[in-house]
Structures are given as C-alpha cells and as structure tokens.
Amino acid sequence: MGLRGLGKASLVSMVVGLLGSAAAYAATPAAAPIRIGLLAPLTGSGGPYGKEEETAAKSAAAYINANGGVLGRQLEIVVADDETTPTAGVSAARKLIDVDGVVAITGVWSSAVALAVRPVALEKNVALLPVGSADELTEGDNKGLVWRFQTNGKNWGQAFANVAAKDGAKTASILVLQTPFTLSTVKPFAERFQKLGGKVIDTIYFNPNQPSYRAEVEKIFSKKPDAVFLPSYIPEFSAIVREIYRSGHESKLYTFSHAADSGGKFVQNVGKAAAEGVNHVQATPVGNSDAYKLYLKQTQQPEGTIVAFGANVFDEINVLALAIEKAKSAKAVDFTKEIANVVNAQGPNVHDPVQGLKLIREGKPFRYSGATSDFRFAPNGDQVDLDYGHYRVLNGVSKLVGTTK
C-alpha cells in the first residue's frame, strides 16, 4: 500500500513507534566487559617479573577480543601493583574486587602475597589464579576458587633432585633464599636426592637484598659438593653467581629457569663466562609448544625466548576465557567449575584459545594444552602430570639437554 495509503493518525503512530524504538536502542548499553584483575609485582623484589605478566595478560585478552571475545563480551585486564609485599597485595586485591569489580585475580607472583590475598578472594567469591608455588596455597577448603598455574614447591624440589642425580651428582648442598616458595622446595629436594642414593652435605639460608653473599658461598662451596641447588630469583641469583665465578668454585649449579634465563636477563647480568654451565629447570613444553609459540608471537618476543611467568599468565587468561564461555557465566562460582574440564577433558589438544572458544560454541570436545606445560588439574587446584625440562647455559644461550620423564 505504501505511505500514501496511510491516514494521518497512522503516520503519526508509525513515526512515534520508530522514534521510540530508536531511543530504546540508543539507550541500551553495549554488553559490559568482563573484568579480570592482574595482581603483579611491578615493584619490589618481584619487579623483574611484573612487566612480563602484564604484557602477557593484555596480549592474551587483546587476541581473544580481536576474535569475538567471550560470551559476546570483551575481556578487560585491570592491573594492580602488589609491590611484592603482602600488605600492599591485600589492599590492591580489595580495590580490584570492591571498586573495579573483577571476577578473577590472576598473576600473584609472590607466594607470600598470594597466601595473604587468598582469604580475601574466598570471602568475596572471586577466582584466584596464582603463579606462586608455596604448597599452602592449595591446602584446605578453597571453595573451588583457587587454581595454581605453576608447579608446587614439592614437585619443584623433586624435579631438581631428579635432574641433579641424572647428571651424576652423588653429593649436594642447598643454598636457599628465604621466601615461602623457595623454602617449600628444600625438604622435597633433600628427601628425593637421598632416596636416589645421594647425600646432602649442607643447607644454608640467605635473605633478599643482602649487601654480600660471600660468607654463604664460601661455606657451601668449600666442601666441594657435586651439585648445589640454589632456589632463588634473578637479582639474588645473579649476585651469587658473580661471587661464585670470582672465587673459582666448580660445583654444578641448579636453579629455576626464571632465575637463570628470564628472557636472557641472567646472562646480561653476569656475563657469558660466569653463566657458562649453569643448569636450570622449568616445566616443559616452554619453548616448543604451539601455545608457547603463540604467546611469543602475541607478545612480540623472538622465537626460542624462555619466559616462564609471562607464559603462566598467558595460560591463565586463556583458561579463564574458555571456562567462562563453557559455563555461559562470568560469575566465579559458575566458571571455576569448568576450569579443570578445560584442561582435563578427553579430546584433541588445542593450543589456541580462539579455536577452543569456537569448539565450545559448536559443542565439540577438546582440551587446552598450555604454553608453559601440558598440565592437568588435581581436584585441589594443583597442576599435575608435569614434565620438567633441564636447560644448561652454553655460550650465553639456554639449551634443552633433557627432561625428567
């Protein structure tokens, strides 16, 4: 009939209706973003690792957002500095939850900070995904909200003992930084090393930011153990290695990849000569998995770079996105029930979160295979079924020389 056939009243009614619909559409806000907190050590003793966590989280979210987001919504990363101290961490966590409205807190590098923040997250029913390794983080009733994206201290210690024994060490000493995480590796290392037929000669403790480590180094190395297990972080480890090199000690040295590589920072700190032969261990497949290659690409890092904590956080954001999509809910009490299913399910391995999101929407099975390791989750939120890569610094470059499986 067209507009000519309509009466005046009908035309007025139509115009009013169209204007009303347009006004209603304009007043409807776009779907609010899903806010995820990143509690990172941007300052303090964890400062060398905070920026890589931030870059990883934002890169993962940007990649997912560019490919449709989650539940039709964008992911927004809200970053807070925990200053590597429990007090600052708790204050920052409360702001993330109460002011910023995050549904999960990721990162949390320091075990001491994570242990302080955990009660806050549980009280507020917010998911907590730390990379801290202290065993206590997953002990007790966590309401299904705590999921660790890193191996725990017990498994770390046993992995180092396996590597040192496989290297032929019959005697070992332990020089350990006093933090909740590093201390949690000492007893498991000693017990496992002794079970493998080795003997632990000495265990000596040191504090962060000491002006000198000469006394500790001389006491440990003067007895000439075959191996020295040195659980530490890159600032203290670098200072101790310089002291070892100056003193000419020759015992084999073993530490974490985040202390003896960290994107090449360790060699930059101490020089190629001092770094030569240093052994480090990291849950694999860092460096050779498709998920890790995607992480390096999204963060614009060269192929072969070994950066553990950034890759841990990259996995955190990816698994959160998949769990939220699978649960069809951005409420932590809902999506945390799907976190284990994302990595434990039967189905083909998927390394790309965008592909995983597509498969969820199609109702097809898969399991996410991570950037830092091809892990599964135990019911308490710990990663299990891990393999560990044994790396050695040779001519300034970390080379994979074996694994623990």
Protein backbone atom coordinates (compact mmCIF):
# COMPACT_ATOMS: atom_id res chain seq x y z
CA MET A 1 0.00 0.00 0.00
CA GLY A 2 2.93 2.39 0.75
CA LEU A 3 2.92 5.50 2.92
CA ARG A 4 0.45 7.34 0.61
CA GLY A 5 -2.32 4.99 1.68
CA LEU A 6 -1.89 5.64 5.37
CA GLY A 7 -4.03 8.11 7.24
CA LYS A 8 -2.56 10.98 9.24
CA ALA A 9 -3.13 9.24 12.54
CA SER A 10 -1.44 6.08 11.30
CA LEU A 11 1.56 8.02 10.08
CA VAL A 12 1.91 9.78 13.43
CA SER A 13 1.64 6.45 15.23
CA MET A 14 4.30 4.89 12.99
CA VAL A 15 6.72 7.79 13.47
CA VAL A 16 6.27 7.71 17.24
CA GLY A 17 6.84 3.98 17.24
CA LEU A 18 10.00 4.24 15.16
CA LEU A 19 11.37 7.06 17.31
CA GLY A 20 10.62 5.07 20.44
CA SER A 21 12.42 2.03 19.09
CA ALA A 22 15.42 4.13 18.10
CA ALA A 23 15.54 5.78 21.52
CA ALA A 24 15.31 2.43 23.25
CA TYR A 25 18.12 1.04 21.07
CA ALA A 26 20.32 4.07 21.76
CA ALA A 27 19.70 3.75 25.49
CA THR A 28 20.74 0.07 25.54
CA PRO A 29 24.42 -0.03 26.52
CA ALA A 30 26.84 -2.40 24.83
CA ALA A 31 27.50 -5.53 26.85
CA ALA A 32 29.80 -4.61 29.73
CA PRO A 33 33.31 -6.05 29.56
CA ILE A 34 34.34 -8.97 31.73
CA ARG A 35 36.93 -7.56 34.09
CA ILE A 36 39.89 -9.74 35.10
CA GLY A 37 42.35 -8.49 37.68
CA LEU A 38 46.11 -8.87 37.28
CA LEU A 39 47.89 -8.52 40.62
CA ALA A 40 51.51 -8.25 39.54
CA PRO A 41 54.83 -7.36 41.22
CA LEU A 42 55.53 -4.23 39.23
CA THR A 43 57.82 -3.01 42.03
CA GLY A 44 59.68 -4.65 44.90
CA SER A 45 61.77 -7.81 44.73
CA GLY A 46 59.49 -9.32 42.07
CA GLY A 47 59.89 -6.28 39.84
CA PRO A 48 61.88 -8.16 37.17
CA TYR A 49 58.82 -10.35 36.51
CA GLY A 50 55.86 -7.98 36.83
CA LYS A 51 56.02 -6.36 33.42
CA GLU A 52 56.15 -9.71 31.60
CA GLU A 53 52.97 -10.74 33.46
CA GLU A 54 51.22 -7.51 32.44
CA THR A 55 52.27 -7.85 28.80
CA ALA A 56 51.12 -11.48 28.73
CA ALA A 57 47.71 -10.78 30.25
CA LYS A 58 46.95 -7.84 27.98
CA SER A 59 48.20 -9.68 24.88
CA ALA A 60 46.04 -12.73 25.62
CA ALA A 61 42.96 -10.57 26.17
CA ALA A 62 43.63 -8.50 23.03
CA TYR A 63 43.95 -11.66 20.92
CA ILE A 64 40.68 -13.09 22.24
CA ASN A 65 38.88 -9.74 21.94
CA ALA A 66 40.00 -9.33 18.32
CA ASN A 67 38.35 -12.66 17.57
CA GLY A 68 34.93 -12.07 19.12
CA GLY A 69 35.59 -12.01 22.84
CA VAL A 70 33.84 -14.26 25.37
CA LEU A 71 30.06 -14.63 25.59
CA GLY A 72 29.87 -11.75 23.13
CA ARG A 73 31.75 -9.51 25.57
CA GLN A 74 35.24 -8.09 25.66
CA LEU A 75 37.82 -9.04 28.27
CA GLU A 76 39.30 -6.13 30.21
CA ILE A 77 42.52 -6.57 32.18
CA VAL A 78 42.72 -4.36 35.27
CA VAL A 79 46.31 -4.16 36.53
CA ALA A 80 47.38 -3.52 40.12
CA ASP A 81 50.85 -3.47 41.69
CA ASP A 82 51.23 -5.68 44.75
CA GLU A 83 54.70 -4.20 45.40
CA THR A 84 55.80 -7.79 46.23
CA THR A 85 54.53 -7.33 49.79
CA PRO A 86 51.50 -8.98 51.46
CA THR A 87 50.11 -5.73 52.91
CA ALA A 88 50.15 -3.89 49.59
CA GLY A 89 48.86 -7.00 47.85
CA VAL A 90 45.81 -7.27 50.10
CA SER A 91 44.98 -3.58 49.64
CA ALA A 92 45.33 -3.88 45.86
CA ALA A 93 43.21 -7.05 45.80
CA ARG A 94 40.40 -5.38 47.76
CA LYS A 95 40.37 -2.49 45.28
CA LEU A 96 40.30 -4.89 42.32
CA ILE A 97 37.32 -6.69 43.82
CA ASP A 98 35.33 -3.92 45.52
CA VAL A 99 35.98 -0.98 43.17
CA ASP A 100 36.92 -2.49 39.81
CA GLY A 101 34.53 -5.45 40.04
CA VAL A 102 36.89 -8.14 38.74
CA VAL A 103 35.65 -11.74 38.55
CA ALA A 104 39.13 -13.24 38.95
CA ILE A 105 42.58 -12.25 40.16
CA THR A 106 45.49 -13.59 38.11
CA GLY A 107 49.26 -13.25 38.30
CA VAL A 108 50.11 -13.07 42.02
CA TRP A 109 53.77 -13.97 41.60
CA SER A 110 54.81 -13.92 45.25
CA SER A 111 53.65 -16.87 47.35
CA ALA A 112 53.59 -14.64 50.43
CA VAL A 113 51.28 -12.18 48.65
CA ALA A 114 49.10 -15.00 47.32
CA LEU A 115 48.71 -16.50 50.79
CA ALA A 116 47.67 -13.10 52.16
CA VAL A 117 45.22 -12.45 49.31
CA ARG A 118 43.61 -15.91 49.34
CA PRO A 119 41.25 -15.25 52.31
CA VAL A 120 40.02 -12.06 50.62
CA ALA A 121 39.27 -13.88 47.36
CA LEU A 122 37.46 -16.68 49.18
CA GLU A 123 35.41 -14.22 51.24
CA LYS A 124 34.33 -12.34 48.10
CA ASN A 125 33.81 -15.45 45.91
CA VAL A 126 36.38 -14.29 43.38
CA ALA A 127 38.58 -16.76 41.50
CA LEU A 128 42.28 -16.71 42.39
CA LEU A 129 44.81 -17.97 39.82
CA PRO A 130 48.30 -17.50 41.30
CA VAL A 131 51.69 -18.42 39.90
CA GLY A 132 53.13 -18.68 43.41
CA SER A 133 54.36 -22.17 44.26
CA ALA A 134 54.06 -22.41 48.07
CA ASP A 135 52.28 -25.68 48.89
CA GLU A 136 49.91 -23.98 51.35
CA LEU A 137 48.12 -22.08 48.55
CA THR A 138 46.03 -25.10 47.57
CA GLU A 139 45.66 -26.66 51.01
CA GLY A 140 42.40 -26.64 52.97
CA ASP A 141 38.96 -25.59 51.74
CA ASN A 142 39.41 -23.26 48.77
CA LYS A 143 35.72 -23.42 47.72
CA GLY A 144 36.91 -24.47 44.25
CA LEU A 145 38.13 -20.92 43.62
CA VAL A 146 41.94 -21.34 43.73
CA TRP A 147 43.77 -22.77 40.70
CA ARG A 148 47.56 -22.67 40.63
CA PHE A 149 49.22 -22.04 37.24
CA GLN A 150 52.65 -23.20 38.30
CA THR A 151 54.08 -26.34 39.82
CA ASN A 152 54.07 -26.51 43.63
CA GLY A 153 57.15 -26.47 45.83
CA LYS A 154 57.12 -30.20 46.48
CA ASN A 155 57.17 -31.11 42.80
CA TRP A 156 59.81 -28.46 42.08
CA GLY A 157 62.13 -29.89 44.70
CA GLN A 158 61.72 -33.45 43.47
CA ALA A 159 62.32 -32.38 39.86
CA PHE A 160 65.63 -30.74 40.78
CA ALA A 161 66.75 -33.84 42.68
CA ASN A 162 65.92 -36.00 39.66
CA VAL A 163 67.91 -33.72 37.34
CA ALA A 164 70.96 -33.48 39.64
CA ALA A 165 71.04 -37.25 40.18
CA LYS A 166 70.63 -37.89 36.45
CA ASP A 167 73.62 -35.57 35.93
CA GLY A 168 75.69 -37.90 38.10
CA ALA A 169 75.73 -35.93 41.36
CA LYS A 170 76.39 -38.04 44.47
CA THR A 171 76.64 -35.14 46.92
CA ALA A 172 74.68 -31.90 47.03
CA SER A 173 74.29 -28.80 49.15
CA ILE A 174 71.39 -26.35 49.27
CA LEU A 175 71.76 -22.55 49.30
CA VAL A 176 68.25 -21.17 49.60
CA LEU A 177 66.60 -17.74 49.56
CA GLN A 178 64.21 -17.29 52.47
CA THR A 179 60.76 -16.92 50.89
CA PRO A 180 57.70 -19.19 51.31
CA PHE A 181 58.08 -20.62 47.80
CA THR A 182 61.81 -21.27 47.75
CA LEU A 183 61.76 -22.77 51.25
CA SER A 184 59.00 -25.16 50.20
CA THR A 185 61.38 -26.83 47.71
CA VAL A 186 64.15 -27.69 50.21
CA LYS A 187 62.77 -30.72 52.05
CA PRO A 188 61.37 -32.39 48.90
CA PHE A 189 64.73 -31.95 47.17
CA ALA A 190 66.67 -33.43 50.09
CA GLU A 191 64.32 -36.38 50.55
CA ARG A 192 64.24 -37.23 46.86
CA PHE A 193 68.02 -36.82 46.39
CA GLN A 194 68.70 -39.12 49.35
CA LYS A 195 66.19 -41.65 48.05
CA LEU A 196 68.13 -41.70 44.78
CA GLY A 197 71.31 -42.56 46.69
CA GLY A 198 72.74 -39.07 47.13
CA LYS A 199 73.95 -37.27 50.25
CA VAL A 200 73.01 -33.71 51.28
CA ILE A 201 76.04 -32.04 52.88
CA ASP A 202 74.76 -28.60 53.93
CA THR A 203 71.66 -26.39 53.85
CA ILE A 204 72.30 -22.66 54.24
CA TYR A 205 69.75 -19.84 54.13
CA PHE A 206 70.15 -16.27 52.91
CA ASN A 207 67.96 -13.16 52.79
CA PRO A 208 66.87 -10.99 49.87
CA ASN A 209 68.98 -7.96 49.02
CA GLN A 210 71.98 -8.81 51.19
CA PRO A 211 74.97 -6.50 50.59
CA SER A 212 77.18 -9.58 50.18
CA TYR A 213 76.80 -13.36 49.78
CA ARG A 214 80.49 -14.18 50.18
CA ALA A 215 80.21 -15.93 53.55
CA GLU A 216 77.35 -18.18 52.39
CA VAL A 217 79.11 -19.02 49.13
CA GLU A 218 82.38 -19.94 50.85
CA LYS A 219 80.66 -22.12 53.42
CA ILE A 220 78.67 -24.06 50.79
CA PHE A 221 81.36 -24.45 48.13
CA SER A 222 84.36 -25.07 50.39
CA LYS A 223 83.15 -28.66 50.89
CA LYS A 224 83.08 -29.17 47.12
CA PRO A 225 79.69 -30.84 46.64
CA ASP A 226 78.98 -32.28 43.21
CA ALA A 227 75.85 -30.13 42.93
CA VAL A 228 74.46 -27.00 44.58
CA PHE A 229 70.71 -26.47 44.48
CA LEU A 230 70.10 -22.71 44.66
CA PRO A 231 66.37 -21.88 44.80
CA SER A 232 66.27 -18.11 44.30
CA TYR A 233 65.17 -15.30 42.00
CA ILE A 234 67.17 -13.45 39.39
CA PRO A 235 68.51 -10.49 41.48
CA GLU A 236 69.98 -12.64 44.27
CA PHE A 237 70.95 -15.48 41.95
CA SER A 238 72.88 -13.11 39.70
CA ALA A 239 74.78 -11.65 42.65
CA ILE A 240 75.64 -15.12 43.99
CA VAL A 241 76.81 -16.41 40.60
CA ARG A 242 79.16 -13.43 40.25
CA GLU A 243 80.60 -14.31 43.66
CA ILE A 244 80.96 -18.00 42.70
CA TYR A 245 82.73 -17.05 39.47
CA ARG A 246 85.14 -14.67 41.22
CA SER A 247 86.01 -17.38 43.73
CA GLY A 248 86.60 -20.04 41.07
CA HIS A 249 84.25 -22.68 42.52
CA GLU A 250 83.35 -25.57 40.23
CA SER A 251 80.35 -27.42 41.73
CA LYS A 252 77.46 -27.73 39.27
CA LEU A 253 74.76 -25.16 39.91
CA TYR A 254 70.99 -25.75 39.60
CA THR A 255 68.18 -23.21 39.83
CA PHE A 256 64.86 -22.18 38.25
CA SER A 257 64.59 -21.02 34.66
CA HIS A 258 63.09 -17.76 35.86
CA ALA A 259 66.36 -17.12 37.74
CA ALA A 260 68.89 -18.39 35.18
CA ASP A 261 67.25 -17.28 31.95
CA SER A 262 64.24 -14.95 32.16
CA GLY A 263 64.46 -13.84 28.55
CA GLY A 264 68.25 -13.66 28.63
CA LYS A 265 68.43 -11.22 31.57
CA PHE A 266 70.60 -13.53 33.68
CA VAL A 267 73.39 -13.72 31.10
CA GLN A 268 73.15 -9.95 30.67
CA ASN A 269 73.56 -9.56 34.44
CA VAL A 270 76.60 -11.82 34.94
CA GLY A 271 78.23 -12.18 31.53
CA LYS A 272 78.69 -15.28 29.37
CA ALA A 273 81.74 -16.57 31.23
CA ALA A 274 80.08 -16.57 34.67
CA ALA A 275 76.84 -18.02 33.27
CA GLU A 276 78.55 -20.88 31.42
CA GLY A 277 77.33 -24.30 32.54
CA VAL A 278 74.60 -23.08 34.89
CA ASN A 279 71.69 -25.54 34.93
CA HIS A 280 68.06 -24.51 35.20
CA VAL A 281 64.76 -26.35 35.27
CA GLN A 282 61.27 -25.41 34.08
CA ALA A 283 58.08 -27.33 33.47
CA THR A 284 58.02 -28.08 29.76
CA PRO A 285 56.98 -27.56 26.94
CA VAL A 286 58.16 -23.97 27.29
CA GLY A 287 59.96 -23.18 24.05
CA ASN A 288 58.49 -25.84 21.79
CA SER A 289 54.69 -25.95 22.19
CA ASP A 290 52.31 -24.28 19.75
CA ALA A 291 50.68 -22.42 22.65
CA TYR A 292 54.07 -21.06 23.71
CA LYS A 293 54.85 -20.02 20.15
CA LEU A 294 51.50 -18.19 20.08
CA TYR A 295 52.46 -16.49 23.36
CA LEU A 296 55.79 -15.30 21.91
CA LYS A 297 54.06 -14.08 18.76
CA GLN A 298 51.39 -12.13 20.63
CA THR A 299 53.97 -10.57 22.96
CA GLN A 300 56.40 -9.88 20.08
CA GLN A 301 59.31 -11.85 21.53
CA PRO A 302 61.89 -13.77 19.47
CA GLU A 303 61.39 -17.48 18.90
CA GLY A 304 63.27 -19.53 21.49
CA THR A 305 62.91 -16.97 24.30
CA ILE A 306 62.34 -18.68 27.66
CA VAL A 307 60.00 -16.61 29.84
CA ALA A 308 58.10 -18.67 32.39
CA PHE A 309 55.88 -16.27 34.36
CA GLY A 310 54.53 -14.42 31.33
CA ALA A 311 53.57 -17.74 29.76
CA ASN A 312 51.90 -18.81 33.03
CA VAL A 313 49.72 -15.70 32.94
CA PHE A 314 49.00 -16.19 29.22
CA ASP A 315 47.62 -19.63 30.15
CA GLU A 316 45.60 -18.12 32.99
CA ILE A 317 43.75 -15.68 30.74
CA ASN A 318 43.17 -18.33 28.07
CA VAL A 319 41.79 -20.89 30.52
CA LEU A 320 39.58 -18.27 32.17
CA ALA A 321 38.14 -17.28 28.80
CA LEU A 322 37.42 -20.91 27.90
CA ALA A 323 35.90 -21.68 31.30
CA ILE A 324 33.64 -18.61 31.20
CA GLU A 325 32.43 -19.47 27.71
CA LYS A 326 31.86 -23.10 28.70
CA ALA A 327 29.95 -22.14 31.86
CA LYS A 328 27.98 -19.46 29.96
CA SER A 329 28.57 -17.29 33.02
CA ALA A 330 31.09 -14.71 34.17
CA LYS A 331 30.40 -15.48 37.85
CA ALA A 332 33.34 -17.16 39.55
CA VAL A 333 31.15 -19.66 41.41
CA ASP A 334 29.98 -20.87 37.99
CA PHE A 335 33.03 -20.73 35.72
CA THR A 336 35.52 -22.14 38.24
CA LYS A 337 33.61 -25.42 37.99
CA GLU A 338 34.72 -25.61 34.35
CA ILE A 339 38.42 -24.75 34.81
CA ALA A 340 39.51 -28.35 35.34
CA ASN A 341 37.29 -29.52 32.48
CA VAL A 342 39.02 -27.16 30.06
CA VAL A 343 42.37 -28.94 30.51
CA ASN A 344 41.34 -32.41 31.76
CA ALA A 345 38.71 -33.27 29.17
CA GLN A 346 39.03 -36.05 26.64
CA GLY A 347 39.53 -34.72 23.13
CA PRO A 348 42.13 -33.32 20.76
CA ASN A 349 44.73 -30.92 22.14
CA VAL A 350 44.03 -27.27 21.35
CA HIS A 351 46.79 -24.68 21.74
CA ASP A 352 44.87 -21.63 20.52
CA PRO A 353 42.15 -20.20 22.80
CA VAL A 354 40.22 -18.78 19.84
CA GLN A 355 39.95 -22.26 18.36
CA GLY A 356 38.86 -23.56 21.76
CA LEU A 357 36.12 -20.94 22.06
CA LYS A 358 34.86 -21.90 18.61
CA LEU A 359 34.73 -25.59 19.58
CA ILE A 360 32.80 -24.79 22.77
CA ARG A 361 30.18 -22.91 20.75
CA GLU A 362 29.94 -25.87 18.37
CA GLY A 363 29.61 -28.32 21.25
CA LYS A 364 32.75 -30.23 20.21
CA PRO A 365 35.26 -31.82 22.64
CA PHE A 366 38.84 -30.61 23.15
CA ARG A 367 41.38 -29.91 25.88
CA TYR A 368 43.60 -26.85 26.22
CA SER A 369 47.31 -27.68 26.10
CA GLY A 370 49.20 -24.88 27.79
CA ALA A 371 52.10 -22.62 26.90
CA THR A 372 54.17 -23.38 29.99
CA SER A 373 53.30 -27.06 30.30
CA ASP A 374 50.86 -29.67 29.07
CA PHE A 375 49.27 -29.99 32.50
CA ARG A 376 46.15 -31.40 34.11
CA PHE A 377 44.50 -30.22 37.31
CA ALA A 378 44.10 -32.18 40.52
CA PRO A 379 40.86 -31.61 42.49
CA ASN A 380 42.65 -29.24 44.90
CA GLY A 381 43.66 -26.87 42.06
CA ASP A 382 47.27 -28.01 41.66
CA GLN A 383 48.78 -28.85 38.30
CA VAL A 384 49.76 -32.49 37.88
CA ASP A 385 51.22 -34.77 35.19
CA LEU A 386 54.09 -32.36 34.53
CA ASP A 387 57.34 -32.94 32.75
CA TYR A 388 60.33 -30.71 33.52
CA GLY A 389 62.90 -29.51 31.06
CA HIS A 390 66.58 -29.46 32.07
CA TYR A 391 68.33 -26.50 30.44
CA ARG A 392 72.02 -25.55 30.50
CA VAL A 393 73.56 -22.18 29.64
CA LEU A 394 76.13 -22.80 26.90
CA ASN A 395 77.94 -19.90 25.26
CA GLY A 396 75.35 -17.48 26.62
CA VAL A 397 72.30 -19.41 25.37
CA SER A 398 70.00 -21.81 27.24
CA LYS A 399 69.92 -25.25 25.61
CA LEU A 400 67.45 -28.04 26.46
CA VAL A 401 69.60 -31.03 27.45
CA GLY A 402 66.92 -33.39 28.79
CA THR A 403 63.67 -33.81 30.70
CA THR A 404 62.60 -35.59 33.88
CA LYS A 405 60.25 -38.02 32.11
